[in-house]
Amino acid sequence: MDKSLILLVVPSQVARTVLTELREAGIPKETIILTCNKGIDPESGKLMQATVREFFPDNPIAVLAGPSHAEEVASRKATAAVIGSDDESLSARIQEILTLPYFRTYTSTDVIGIELGGVVKNVFAIAAGTADGLGLGDNSKAALVTRGLAEMTRLGMAMGGKRETFQGLSGIGDLIVTCYSVHSRNNRVGRLLGQGKTLQEAIDELNQVAEGVPTAKNAYDLARKLGVRTPLIDEAYEVLYNGKPCAQALKELLSRNPRSEID
């Protein structure tokens, strides 16, 4: 397979299968692999770049994230994203390829922060959709998104990410678009849950992949492993995997002990 750049855009649950097929097809060691999928490998608990590295230890690998719904990119609406790589020259090469009149890219060396932001924002998008389904209004949703950013930052920094990354495109940028957009599959799942649907009913009605569902479990397990406080992720996990009613999850979030905003 003689290609200079390969974009990996499949759901994380099937990434290993696709990577196995790609390895069997054979690609040159100089071929760049750009991971655009936002998830955690369910088998290893690793982020996608580390998973790709298992299969292609010698290839240049980078990540792409940011508020970039495919529907709008395809219709050439103005979009910005960030390219992450430890190798700044590699980021510059990809940036040159992906810079278009309607698609602007930035670069960063914080690969972990970029990937983690793109992953856990899907969990918060489900929570935001739940708020919509419950009819809670703008105040509640804004509070949820803001506190979601705080959790994302704590978890990402515990993994070695940089605080400023979560204030950028792959952090707050992707979080905003996923929590508020009509294109967000995760938001739609949450909205259906808030309206009283079961998880299976919501997934069946969506008829698409919502990465936030498996990611909620992976993020929950990761937070336990790292000892990071993540009340929103915890309640999303309870709703999705233990059947806790959405209204009860909200009540328990609001009744937690008071604390400083920066704690």
C-alpha atoms as a PDB file:
ATOM      1  CA  MET A   1       0.000   0.000   0.000  1.00  0.00           C
ATOM      2  CA  ASP A   2       2.028   2.905  -1.306  1.00  0.00           C
ATOM      3  CA  LYS A   3       0.495   5.953   0.369  1.00  0.00           C
ATOM      4  CA  SER A   4       2.305   8.904   1.938  1.00  0.00           C
ATOM      5  CA  LEU A   5      -0.434   9.634   4.499  1.00  0.00           C
ATOM      6  CA  ILE A   6      -3.116   7.375   5.989  1.00  0.00           C
ATOM      7  CA  LEU A   7      -5.942   8.764   8.128  1.00  0.00           C
ATOM      8  CA  LEU A   8      -7.347   6.377  10.732  1.00  0.00           C
ATOM      9  CA  VAL A   9     -10.978   7.376  11.272  1.00  0.00           C
ATOM     10  CA  VAL A  10     -12.673   4.158  12.426  1.00  0.00           C
ATOM     11  CA  PRO A  11     -14.360   3.752  15.846  1.00  0.00           C
ATOM     12  CA  SER A  12     -11.932   2.777  18.607  1.00  0.00           C
ATOM     13  CA  GLN A  13     -13.789  -0.499  19.244  1.00  0.00           C
ATOM     14  CA  VAL A  14     -12.717  -1.836  15.834  1.00  0.00           C
ATOM     15  CA  ALA A  15      -9.367  -0.061  15.538  1.00  0.00           C
ATOM     16  CA  ARG A  16      -7.338  -3.192  16.312  1.00  0.00           C
ATOM     17  CA  THR A  17      -9.119  -5.151  13.594  1.00  0.00           C
ATOM     18  CA  VAL A  18      -8.480  -2.422  11.039  1.00  0.00           C
ATOM     19  CA  LEU A  19      -4.861  -1.980  12.145  1.00  0.00           C
ATOM     20  CA  THR A  20      -4.299  -5.729  11.807  1.00  0.00           C
ATOM     21  CA  GLU A  21      -5.632  -5.635   8.239  1.00  0.00           C
ATOM     22  CA  LEU A  22      -3.540  -2.573   7.465  1.00  0.00           C
ATOM     23  CA  ARG A  23      -0.391  -4.242   8.763  1.00  0.00           C
ATOM     24  CA  GLU A  24      -1.120  -7.342   6.686  1.00  0.00           C
ATOM     25  CA  ALA A  25      -1.611  -5.174   3.609  1.00  0.00           C
ATOM     26  CA  GLY A  26       1.856  -3.739   4.206  1.00  0.00           C
ATOM     27  CA  ILE A  27       2.778  -0.057   4.195  1.00  0.00           C
ATOM     28  CA  PRO A  28       6.210   1.584   3.868  1.00  0.00           C
ATOM     29  CA  LYS A  29       7.886   2.689   7.100  1.00  0.00           C
ATOM     30  CA  GLU A  30       7.900   6.291   5.902  1.00  0.00           C
ATOM     31  CA  THR A  31       4.099   6.385   5.532  1.00  0.00           C
ATOM     32  CA  ILE A  32       2.521   8.802   8.029  1.00  0.00           C
ATOM     33  CA  ILE A  33      -0.408   7.483  10.082  1.00  0.00           C
ATOM     34  CA  LEU A  34      -2.721  10.219  11.370  1.00  0.00           C
ATOM     35  CA  THR A  35      -5.224   9.092  13.993  1.00  0.00           C
ATOM     36  CA  CYS A  36      -8.495  11.004  13.813  1.00  0.00           C
ATOM     37  CA  ASN A  37     -10.593   8.630  15.899  1.00  0.00           C
ATOM     38  CA  LYS A  38     -11.455   9.692  19.427  1.00  0.00           C
ATOM     39  CA  GLY A  39     -11.544   6.786  21.835  1.00  0.00           C
ATOM     40  CA  ILE A  40      -9.705   4.425  24.133  1.00  0.00           C
ATOM     41  CA  ASP A  41      -8.694   0.955  23.013  1.00  0.00           C
ATOM     42  CA  PRO A  42     -11.028  -1.369  24.984  1.00  0.00           C
ATOM     43  CA  GLU A  43      -8.479  -4.182  25.028  1.00  0.00           C
ATOM     44  CA  SER A  44      -5.487  -2.317  26.440  1.00  0.00           C
ATOM     45  CA  GLY A  45      -6.960   0.915  27.835  1.00  0.00           C
ATOM     46  CA  LYS A  46      -4.463   2.866  25.741  1.00  0.00           C
ATOM     47  CA  LEU A  47      -5.141   6.013  23.733  1.00  0.00           C
ATOM     48  CA  MET A  48      -5.120   5.587  19.976  1.00  0.00           C
ATOM     49  CA  GLN A  49      -1.594   6.785  19.193  1.00  0.00           C
ATOM     50  CA  ALA A  50      -0.131   4.225  21.588  1.00  0.00           C
ATOM     51  CA  THR A  51      -2.353   1.546  20.087  1.00  0.00           C
ATOM     52  CA  VAL A  52      -1.226   2.388  16.552  1.00  0.00           C
ATOM     53  CA  ARG A  53       2.380   2.330  17.743  1.00  0.00           C
ATOM     54  CA  GLU A  54       1.961  -1.335  18.736  1.00  0.00           C
ATOM     55  CA  PHE A  55       1.243  -2.227  15.123  1.00  0.00           C
ATOM     56  CA  PHE A  56       3.549   0.257  13.407  1.00  0.00           C
ATOM     57  CA  PRO A  57       6.532   0.912  15.697  1.00  0.00           C
ATOM     58  CA  ASP A  58       8.648   2.462  12.931  1.00  0.00           C
ATOM     59  CA  ASN A  59       6.124   4.701  11.184  1.00  0.00           C
ATOM     60  CA  PRO A  60       5.653   8.424  11.909  1.00  0.00           C
ATOM     61  CA  ILE A  61       2.393   8.802  13.840  1.00  0.00           C
ATOM     62  CA  ALA A  62       0.420  11.926  14.723  1.00  0.00           C
ATOM     63  CA  VAL A  63      -3.067  12.801  15.989  1.00  0.00           C
ATOM     64  CA  LEU A  64      -5.737  15.211  14.769  1.00  0.00           C
ATOM     65  CA  ALA A  65      -8.472  16.640  17.005  1.00  0.00           C
ATOM     66  CA  GLY A  66     -10.661  19.674  17.462  1.00  0.00           C
ATOM     67  CA  PRO A  67     -14.231  20.872  16.799  1.00  0.00           C
ATOM     68  CA  SER A  68     -14.607  19.346  13.361  1.00  0.00           C
ATOM     69  CA  HIS A  69     -17.882  17.569  12.658  1.00  0.00           C
ATOM     70  CA  ALA A  70     -17.501  15.712   9.358  1.00  0.00           C
ATOM     71  CA  GLU A  71     -20.815  17.022   8.038  1.00  0.00           C
ATOM     72  CA  GLU A  72     -19.563  20.608   8.165  1.00  0.00           C
ATOM     73  CA  VAL A  73     -16.056  19.852   6.913  1.00  0.00           C
ATOM     74  CA  ALA A  74     -17.561  18.015   3.948  1.00  0.00           C
ATOM     75  CA  SER A  75     -19.669  21.067   3.112  1.00  0.00           C
ATOM     76  CA  ARG A  76     -16.533  23.243   3.396  1.00  0.00           C
ATOM     77  CA  LYS A  77     -17.655  25.295   6.358  1.00  0.00           C
ATOM     78  CA  ALA A  78     -14.819  27.064   8.178  1.00  0.00           C
ATOM     79  CA  THR A  79     -13.148  24.673  10.627  1.00  0.00           C
ATOM     80  CA  ALA A  80     -10.009  24.648  12.794  1.00  0.00           C
ATOM     81  CA  ALA A  81      -8.208  21.642  14.264  1.00  0.00           C
ATOM     82  CA  VAL A  82      -4.926  20.797  15.974  1.00  0.00           C
ATOM     83  CA  ILE A  83      -2.232  18.312  14.930  1.00  0.00           C
ATOM     84  CA  GLY A  84      -0.312  16.610  17.721  1.00  0.00           C
ATOM     85  CA  SER A  85       3.115  15.019  17.452  1.00  0.00           C
ATOM     86  CA  ASP A  86       6.344  14.868  19.442  1.00  0.00           C
ATOM     87  CA  ASP A  87       8.093  15.598  16.151  1.00  0.00           C
ATOM     88  CA  GLU A  88       7.464  19.238  15.200  1.00  0.00           C
ATOM     89  CA  SER A  89       8.743  18.683  11.655  1.00  0.00           C
ATOM     90  CA  LEU A  90       6.168  15.907  11.206  1.00  0.00           C
ATOM     91  CA  SER A  91       3.383  18.205  12.432  1.00  0.00           C
ATOM     92  CA  ALA A  92       4.542  20.843   9.961  1.00  0.00           C
ATOM     93  CA  ARG A  93       4.405  18.353   7.077  1.00  0.00           C
ATOM     94  CA  ILE A  94       0.869  17.313   7.947  1.00  0.00           C
ATOM     95  CA  GLN A  95      -0.144  20.923   8.506  1.00  0.00           C
ATOM     96  CA  GLU A  96       0.966  21.775   4.976  1.00  0.00           C
ATOM     97  CA  ILE A  97      -1.171  18.953   3.578  1.00  0.00           C
ATOM     98  CA  LEU A  98      -4.270  19.732   5.649  1.00  0.00           C
ATOM     99  CA  THR A  99      -4.303  23.516   5.417  1.00  0.00           C
ATOM    100  CA  LEU A 100      -7.131  24.488   3.063  1.00  0.00           C
ATOM    101  CA  PRO A 101      -9.130  27.684   2.483  1.00  0.00           C
ATOM    102  CA  TYR A 102     -11.858  26.363   4.801  1.00  0.00           C
ATOM    103  CA  PHE A 103      -9.751  24.102   7.077  1.00  0.00           C
ATOM    104  CA  ARG A 104      -7.092  25.682   9.288  1.00  0.00           C
ATOM    105  CA  THR A 105      -4.725  23.568  11.383  1.00  0.00           C
ATOM    106  CA  TYR A 106      -2.485  24.359  14.330  1.00  0.00           C
ATOM    107  CA  THR A 107       0.271  22.215  15.847  1.00  0.00           C
ATOM    108  CA  SER A 108       1.129  21.001  19.341  1.00  0.00           C
ATOM    109  CA  THR A 109       3.586  18.615  20.978  1.00  0.00           C
ATOM    110  CA  ASP A 110       1.093  17.646  23.714  1.00  0.00           C
ATOM    111  CA  VAL A 111      -0.150  14.425  22.142  1.00  0.00           C
ATOM    112  CA  ILE A 112      -1.611  13.041  25.380  1.00  0.00           C
ATOM    113  CA  GLY A 113      -3.578  16.205  26.109  1.00  0.00           C
ATOM    114  CA  ILE A 114      -4.941  16.403  22.572  1.00  0.00           C
ATOM    115  CA  GLU A 115      -6.053  12.781  22.574  1.00  0.00           C
ATOM    116  CA  LEU A 116      -7.519  12.799  26.080  1.00  0.00           C
ATOM    117  CA  GLY A 117      -9.592  15.909  25.349  1.00  0.00           C
ATOM    118  CA  GLY A 118     -10.982  14.353  22.199  1.00  0.00           C
ATOM    119  CA  VAL A 119     -11.863  11.203  24.101  1.00  0.00           C
ATOM    120  CA  VAL A 120     -13.610  12.291  27.297  1.00  0.00           C
ATOM    121  CA  LYS A 121     -15.564  15.139  25.717  1.00  0.00           C
ATOM    122  CA  ASN A 122     -17.878  12.440  24.333  1.00  0.00           C
ATOM    123  CA  VAL A 123     -18.847  11.416  27.863  1.00  0.00           C
ATOM    124  CA  PHE A 124     -19.713  14.995  28.744  1.00  0.00           C
ATOM    125  CA  ALA A 125     -21.684  15.303  25.507  1.00  0.00           C
ATOM    126  CA  ILE A 126     -23.903  12.434  26.668  1.00  0.00           C
ATOM    127  CA  ALA A 127     -24.367  14.219  30.003  1.00  0.00           C
ATOM    128  CA  ALA A 128     -25.190  17.476  28.191  1.00  0.00           C
ATOM    129  CA  GLY A 129     -27.726  15.656  26.031  1.00  0.00           C
ATOM    130  CA  THR A 130     -29.269  14.210  29.169  1.00  0.00           C
ATOM    131  CA  ALA A 131     -29.711  17.745  30.492  1.00  0.00           C
ATOM    132  CA  ASP A 132     -31.459  18.644  27.226  1.00  0.00           C
ATOM    133  CA  GLY A 133     -33.706  15.604  27.500  1.00  0.00           C
ATOM    134  CA  LEU A 134     -34.655  16.540  31.054  1.00  0.00           C
ATOM    135  CA  GLY A 135     -35.454  20.087  29.921  1.00  0.00           C
ATOM    136  CA  LEU A 136     -33.038  21.696  32.369  1.00  0.00           C
ATOM    137  CA  GLY A 137     -32.238  24.819  30.356  1.00  0.00           C
ATOM    138  CA  ASP A 138     -29.148  26.820  29.476  1.00  0.00           C
ATOM    139  CA  ASN A 139     -27.874  27.471  33.005  1.00  0.00           C
ATOM    140  CA  SER A 140     -27.650  23.798  33.847  1.00  0.00           C
ATOM    141  CA  LYS A 141     -26.011  22.875  30.569  1.00  0.00           C
ATOM    142  CA  ALA A 142     -23.433  25.642  30.809  1.00  0.00           C
ATOM    143  CA  ALA A 143     -22.541  24.530  34.339  1.00  0.00           C
ATOM    144  CA  LEU A 144     -22.239  20.929  33.194  1.00  0.00           C
ATOM    145  CA  VAL A 145     -19.960  21.798  30.293  1.00  0.00           C
ATOM    146  CA  THR A 146     -17.762  24.009  32.468  1.00  0.00           C
ATOM    147  CA  ARG A 147     -17.384  21.388  35.184  1.00  0.00           C
ATOM    148  CA  GLY A 148     -16.766  18.815  32.473  1.00  0.00           C
ATOM    149  CA  LEU A 149     -13.809  20.905  31.331  1.00  0.00           C
ATOM    150  CA  ALA A 150     -12.481  20.880  34.909  1.00  0.00           C
ATOM    151  CA  GLU A 151     -12.687  17.081  35.022  1.00  0.00           C
ATOM    152  CA  MET A 152     -11.111  16.748  31.587  1.00  0.00           C
ATOM    153  CA  THR A 153      -8.217  18.948  32.700  1.00  0.00           C
ATOM    154  CA  ARG A 154      -7.644  17.057  35.958  1.00  0.00           C
ATOM    155  CA  LEU A 155      -7.665  13.692  34.236  1.00  0.00           C
ATOM    156  CA  GLY A 156      -5.499  14.851  31.352  1.00  0.00           C
ATOM    157  CA  MET A 157      -2.885  16.437  33.581  1.00  0.00           C
ATOM    158  CA  ALA A 158      -2.726  13.254  35.665  1.00  0.00           C
ATOM    159  CA  MET A 159      -1.797  11.440  32.450  1.00  0.00           C
ATOM    160  CA  GLY A 160       0.904  13.960  31.600  1.00  0.00           C
ATOM    161  CA  GLY A 161      -1.053  16.428  29.457  1.00  0.00           C
ATOM    162  CA  LYS A 162      -0.642  20.192  29.702  1.00  0.00           C
ATOM    163  CA  ARG A 163      -3.293  22.453  31.224  1.00  0.00           C
ATOM    164  CA  GLU A 164      -3.185  24.897  28.300  1.00  0.00           C
ATOM    165  CA  THR A 165      -4.053  22.136  25.831  1.00  0.00           C
ATOM    166  CA  PHE A 166      -7.481  21.772  27.424  1.00  0.00           C
ATOM    167  CA  GLN A 167      -8.083  25.494  26.910  1.00  0.00           C
ATOM    168  CA  GLY A 168      -7.575  25.013  23.169  1.00  0.00           C
ATOM    169  CA  LEU A 169      -9.234  23.398  20.175  1.00  0.00           C
ATOM    170  CA  SER A 170      -8.991  19.787  21.336  1.00  0.00           C
ATOM    171  CA  GLY A 171     -10.225  20.709  24.821  1.00  0.00           C
ATOM    172  CA  ILE A 172     -12.845  23.405  25.259  1.00  0.00           C
ATOM    173  CA  GLY A 173     -13.302  23.740  21.491  1.00  0.00           C
ATOM    174  CA  ASP A 174     -14.235  20.105  20.917  1.00  0.00           C
ATOM    175  CA  LEU A 175     -16.195  20.016  24.170  1.00  0.00           C
ATOM    176  CA  ILE A 176     -18.411  22.933  23.129  1.00  0.00           C
ATOM    177  CA  VAL A 177     -19.207  21.620  19.675  1.00  0.00           C
ATOM    178  CA  THR A 178     -19.938  18.096  20.896  1.00  0.00           C
ATOM    179  CA  CYS A 179     -22.160  19.202  23.752  1.00  0.00           C
ATOM    180  CA  TYR A 180     -24.193  21.680  21.709  1.00  0.00           C
ATOM    181  CA  SER A 181     -24.204  20.529  18.076  1.00  0.00           C
ATOM    182  CA  VAL A 182     -27.164  18.944  16.327  1.00  0.00           C
ATOM    183  CA  HIS A 183     -24.611  16.670  14.611  1.00  0.00           C
ATOM    184  CA  SER A 184     -23.397  15.187  17.916  1.00  0.00           C
ATOM    185  CA  ARG A 185     -24.287  11.499  18.169  1.00  0.00           C
ATOM    186  CA  ASN A 186     -23.317  11.426  21.840  1.00  0.00           C
ATOM    187  CA  ASN A 187     -25.533  14.397  22.652  1.00  0.00           C
ATOM    188  CA  ARG A 188     -28.441  12.662  20.917  1.00  0.00           C
ATOM    189  CA  VAL A 189     -27.949   9.501  22.965  1.00  0.00           C
ATOM    190  CA  GLY A 190     -27.983  11.579  26.142  1.00  0.00           C
ATOM    191  CA  ARG A 191     -31.081  13.465  25.048  1.00  0.00           C
ATOM    192  CA  LEU A 192     -32.952  10.207  24.502  1.00  0.00           C
ATOM    193  CA  LEU A 193     -31.850   8.931  27.912  1.00  0.00           C
ATOM    194  CA  GLY A 194     -33.076  12.146  29.512  1.00  0.00           C
ATOM    195  CA  GLN A 195     -36.432  11.640  27.805  1.00  0.00           C
ATOM    196  CA  GLY A 196     -36.782   8.250  29.489  1.00  0.00           C
ATOM    197  CA  LYS A 197     -35.397   5.848  26.886  1.00  0.00           C
ATOM    198  CA  THR A 198     -33.225   2.931  27.943  1.00  0.00           C
ATOM    199  CA  LEU A 199     -29.644   2.876  26.691  1.00  0.00           C
ATOM    200  CA  GLN A 200     -30.434   0.124  24.212  1.00  0.00           C
ATOM    201  CA  GLU A 201     -33.482   2.014  22.936  1.00  0.00           C
ATOM    202  CA  ALA A 202     -31.347   5.150  22.514  1.00  0.00           C
ATOM    203  CA  ILE A 203     -28.626   3.266  20.625  1.00  0.00           C
ATOM    204  CA  ASP A 204     -31.179   1.544  18.410  1.00  0.00           C
ATOM    205  CA  GLU A 205     -32.855   4.845  17.578  1.00  0.00           C
ATOM    206  CA  LEU A 206     -29.520   6.522  16.870  1.00  0.00           C
ATOM    207  CA  ASN A 207     -28.386   3.659  14.598  1.00  0.00           C
ATOM    208  CA  GLN A 208     -24.841   5.059  14.641  1.00  0.00           C
ATOM    209  CA  VAL A 209     -21.743   4.680  16.799  1.00  0.00           C
ATOM    210  CA  ALA A 210     -21.667   6.885  19.913  1.00  0.00           C
ATOM    211  CA  GLU A 211     -18.086   6.692  21.200  1.00  0.00           C
ATOM    212  CA  GLY A 212     -19.083   8.188  24.537  1.00  0.00           C
ATOM    213  CA  VAL A 213     -20.844   5.002  25.641  1.00  0.00           C
ATOM    214  CA  PRO A 214     -17.786   2.696  25.776  1.00  0.00           C
ATOM    215  CA  THR A 215     -15.575   5.676  26.649  1.00  0.00           C
ATOM    216  CA  ALA A 216     -17.602   6.322  29.809  1.00  0.00           C
ATOM    217  CA  LYS A 217     -16.520   2.957  31.201  1.00  0.00           C
ATOM    218  CA  ASN A 218     -12.929   3.363  30.019  1.00  0.00           C
ATOM    219  CA  ALA A 219     -12.698   6.877  31.472  1.00  0.00           C
ATOM    220  CA  TYR A 220     -14.292   5.728  34.737  1.00  0.00           C
ATOM    221  CA  ASP A 221     -11.733   2.924  35.070  1.00  0.00           C
ATOM    222  CA  LEU A 222      -8.894   5.279  34.149  1.00  0.00           C
ATOM    223  CA  ALA A 223      -9.936   7.829  36.774  1.00  0.00           C
ATOM    224  CA  ARG A 224     -10.029   5.098  39.433  1.00  0.00           C
ATOM    225  CA  LYS A 225      -6.567   3.925  38.379  1.00  0.00           C
ATOM    226  CA  LEU A 226      -5.106   7.439  38.553  1.00  0.00           C
ATOM    227  CA  GLY A 227      -6.999   8.506  41.664  1.00  0.00           C
ATOM    228  CA  VAL A 228      -8.644  11.489  39.928  1.00  0.00           C
ATOM    229  CA  ARG A 229     -11.956  12.920  41.146  1.00  0.00           C
ATOM    230  CA  THR A 230     -14.478  12.801  38.272  1.00  0.00           C
ATOM    231  CA  PRO A 231     -18.072  13.182  39.557  1.00  0.00           C
ATOM    232  CA  LEU A 232     -19.623  13.784  36.114  1.00  0.00           C
ATOM    233  CA  ILE A 233     -17.897  10.790  34.549  1.00  0.00           C
ATOM    234  CA  ASP A 234     -18.889   8.715  37.580  1.00  0.00           C
ATOM    235  CA  GLU A 235     -22.573   9.608  37.238  1.00  0.00           C
ATOM    236  CA  ALA A 236     -22.509   9.090  33.463  1.00  0.00           C
ATOM    237  CA  TYR A 237     -21.076   5.634  34.107  1.00  0.00           C
ATOM    238  CA  GLU A 238     -23.838   4.878  36.623  1.00  0.00           C
ATOM    239  CA  VAL A 239     -26.545   5.971  34.182  1.00  0.00           C
ATOM    240  CA  LEU A 240     -25.110   4.048  31.241  1.00  0.00           C
ATOM    241  CA  TYR A 241     -23.966   0.860  32.949  1.00  0.00           C
ATOM    242  CA  ASN A 242     -25.981   0.535  36.148  1.00  0.00           C
ATOM    243  CA  GLY A 243     -29.286   1.965  34.984  1.00  0.00           C
ATOM    244  CA  LYS A 244     -29.380   4.893  37.401  1.00  0.00           C
ATOM    245  CA  PRO A 245     -32.208   7.299  36.463  1.00  0.00           C
ATOM    246  CA  CYS A 246     -30.910  10.547  34.962  1.00  0.00           C
ATOM    247  CA  ALA A 247     -32.860  12.693  37.412  1.00  0.00           C
ATOM    248  CA  GLN A 248     -31.335  10.822  40.358  1.00  0.00           C
ATOM    249  CA  ALA A 249     -27.826  11.282  38.943  1.00  0.00           C
ATOM    250  CA  LEU A 250     -28.468  15.021  38.651  1.00  0.00           C
ATOM    251  CA  LYS A 251     -29.796  15.207  42.214  1.00  0.00           C
ATOM    252  CA  GLU A 252     -26.699  13.472  43.568  1.00  0.00           C
ATOM    253  CA  LEU A 253     -24.393  15.783  41.619  1.00  0.00           C
ATOM    254  CA  LEU A 254     -26.122  18.855  43.058  1.00  0.00           C
ATOM    255  CA  SER A 255     -26.148  17.503  46.621  1.00  0.00           C
ATOM    256  CA  ARG A 256     -22.389  16.890  46.833  1.00  0.00           C
ATOM    257  CA  ASN A 257     -20.442  18.690  49.549  1.00  0.00           C
ATOM    258  CA  PRO A 258     -19.688  22.373  48.723  1.00  0.00           C
ATOM    259  CA  ARG A 259     -16.133  23.122  47.608  1.00  0.00           C
ATOM    260  CA  SER A 260     -13.957  25.779  45.970  1.00  0.00           C
ATOM    261  CA  GLU A 261     -14.329  26.088  42.198  1.00  0.00           C
ATOM    262  CA  ILE A 262     -10.601  25.614  41.664  1.00  0.00           C
ATOM    263  CA  ASP A 263     -10.367  22.539  43.900  1.00  0.00           C
END
